[in-house]
Amino acid sequence: MLFIILSIVVYTAEISGSMISFIMGLLACVAVILMVADFEEMFSRSMDFLAKYTMPIFLMHTLFAAPLRSVLLKVGVTNAVAHVVLGLGISFAGPIIAAWIMKKTKWMEFFLYPNKLIRKVS
């Protein structure tokens, strides 16, 4: 709540400066962290599911989001909300499906988790 009030004050008073921007950025981060902590119990199952696929999502999200954006622009979809919603959806769903397929084939799983398949020589 403090972040929202200060944001309104800074905006309406037209206050600017690098220190103000830095402090507002820190407050925004703290606000998001506190908000997520409040909803932890409600979203724990979905977060546990996404946590399993953190590395594939990190590695492959661009491989799915960029082509989708190109296709949407070619088709004539210029609505920003559609781009963001569909882009976020494919950025999560695409890598999760790809990781699921890769997990079924051991040699493809090497690209995501090489340490699982490489044995240490002692």
Protein backbone atom coordinates (compact mmCIF):
# COMPACT_ATOMS: atom_id res chain seq x y z
CA MET A 1 0.00 0.00 0.00
CA LEU A 2 2.89 2.31 0.80
CA PHE A 3 4.27 1.82 -2.70
CA ILE A 4 0.98 2.80 -4.33
CA ILE A 5 0.60 5.92 -2.20
CA LEU A 6 4.19 7.01 -2.83
CA SER A 7 3.84 6.31 -6.55
CA ILE A 8 0.84 8.61 -6.75
CA VAL A 9 2.63 11.32 -4.77
CA VAL A 10 5.78 11.11 -6.89
CA TYR A 11 3.77 11.14 -10.11
CA THR A 12 1.46 14.03 -9.22
CA ALA A 13 4.25 16.17 -7.72
CA GLU A 14 6.41 15.39 -10.78
CA ILE A 15 9.34 14.44 -8.59
CA SER A 16 12.25 12.92 -10.48
CA GLY A 17 15.77 11.86 -9.77
CA SER A 18 17.86 8.74 -9.78
CA MET A 19 17.65 8.26 -6.00
CA ILE A 20 13.84 8.52 -6.03
CA SER A 21 13.68 6.02 -8.90
CA PHE A 22 15.98 3.65 -7.01
CA ILE A 23 13.92 3.87 -3.80
CA MET A 24 10.65 3.40 -5.69
CA GLY A 25 12.15 0.36 -7.45
CA LEU A 26 13.16 -1.15 -4.11
CA LEU A 27 9.69 -0.50 -2.69
CA ALA A 28 8.12 -2.15 -5.75
CA CYS A 29 10.29 -5.25 -5.26
CA VAL A 30 9.41 -5.45 -1.57
CA ALA A 31 5.71 -5.00 -2.39
CA VAL A 32 5.78 -7.86 -4.90
CA ILE A 33 7.67 -10.15 -2.52
CA LEU A 34 5.23 -9.46 0.32
CA MET A 35 2.25 -9.94 -1.99
CA VAL A 36 3.58 -13.30 -3.19
CA ALA A 37 4.28 -14.39 0.38
CA ASP A 38 0.65 -13.69 1.30
CA PHE A 39 -0.64 -15.91 -1.49
CA GLU A 40 1.89 -18.71 -0.94
CA GLU A 41 -0.59 -21.25 0.43
CA MET A 42 -3.13 -20.57 -2.28
CA PHE A 43 -0.68 -21.12 -5.15
CA SER A 44 1.67 -23.68 -3.60
CA ARG A 45 0.62 -26.58 -5.85
CA SER A 46 1.00 -24.60 -9.06
CA MET A 47 4.33 -23.14 -7.89
CA ASP A 48 5.58 -26.65 -7.05
CA PHE A 49 4.65 -27.74 -10.58
CA LEU A 50 6.38 -24.74 -12.18
CA ALA A 51 9.43 -25.20 -9.95
CA LYS A 52 10.06 -28.60 -11.57
CA TYR A 53 10.31 -26.91 -14.97
CA THR A 54 12.31 -23.80 -14.04
CA MET A 55 15.36 -24.68 -16.12
CA PRO A 56 13.45 -25.67 -19.29
CA ILE A 57 11.33 -22.50 -19.05
CA PHE A 58 14.47 -20.39 -18.58
CA LEU A 59 16.27 -22.03 -21.51
CA MET A 60 13.41 -22.25 -24.02
CA HIS A 61 10.91 -19.45 -23.36
CA THR A 62 12.30 -17.27 -26.16
CA LEU A 63 12.19 -20.16 -28.62
CA PHE A 64 8.41 -20.19 -28.23
CA ALA A 65 7.55 -16.54 -27.54
CA ALA A 66 9.45 -14.92 -30.42
CA PRO A 67 7.90 -17.03 -33.21
CA LEU A 68 4.44 -16.53 -31.69
CA ARG A 69 4.93 -12.77 -31.74
CA SER A 70 6.06 -12.90 -35.37
CA VAL A 71 3.04 -14.97 -36.34
CA LEU A 72 0.67 -12.64 -34.51
CA LEU A 73 2.14 -9.61 -36.28
CA LYS A 74 1.98 -11.36 -39.68
CA VAL A 75 -1.67 -12.25 -39.09
CA GLY A 76 -2.38 -8.63 -38.14
CA VAL A 77 -2.89 -8.95 -34.38
CA THR A 78 -1.46 -5.74 -32.88
CA ASN A 79 -3.34 -5.71 -29.58
CA ALA A 80 -0.74 -5.46 -26.79
CA VAL A 81 -2.89 -7.40 -24.31
CA ALA A 82 -3.19 -10.32 -26.73
CA HIS A 83 0.57 -10.32 -27.29
CA VAL A 84 1.35 -10.30 -23.57
CA VAL A 85 -1.23 -12.91 -22.56
CA LEU A 86 -0.49 -15.31 -25.42
CA GLY A 87 3.26 -14.70 -25.11
CA LEU A 88 3.26 -15.52 -21.40
CA GLY A 89 1.11 -18.57 -21.99
CA ILE A 90 3.35 -20.01 -24.69
CA SER A 91 6.48 -19.06 -22.73
CA PHE A 92 5.39 -21.41 -19.96
CA ALA A 93 3.37 -24.07 -21.80
CA GLY A 94 5.80 -24.59 -24.70
CA PRO A 95 8.90 -25.36 -22.63
CA ILE A 96 6.93 -27.55 -20.21
CA ILE A 97 5.58 -29.65 -23.08
CA ALA A 98 9.03 -29.79 -24.71
CA ALA A 99 10.64 -30.85 -21.41
CA TRP A 100 7.99 -33.54 -20.95
CA ILE A 101 8.77 -34.90 -24.43
CA MET A 102 12.52 -34.66 -23.80
CA LYS A 103 12.15 -36.55 -20.53
CA LYS A 104 10.62 -39.47 -22.42
CA THR A 105 13.77 -39.72 -24.55
CA LYS A 106 16.97 -39.99 -22.53
CA TRP A 107 19.32 -38.64 -25.20
CA MET A 108 17.24 -35.47 -25.57
CA GLU A 109 17.11 -34.96 -21.82
CA PHE A 110 20.87 -34.40 -21.98
CA PHE A 111 20.24 -30.90 -23.38
CA LEU A 112 18.35 -29.86 -20.22
CA TYR A 113 20.08 -31.85 -17.49
CA PRO A 114 23.51 -33.05 -18.67
CA ASN A 115 24.66 -33.86 -15.13
CA LYS A 116 22.00 -36.55 -14.83
CA LEU A 117 23.47 -38.53 -17.70
CA ILE A 118 27.20 -37.88 -17.31
CA ARG A 119 28.92 -40.20 -14.87
CA LYS A 120 31.84 -39.07 -12.77
CA VAL A 121 35.07 -40.96 -13.35
CA SER A 122 36.93 -41.48 -10.11
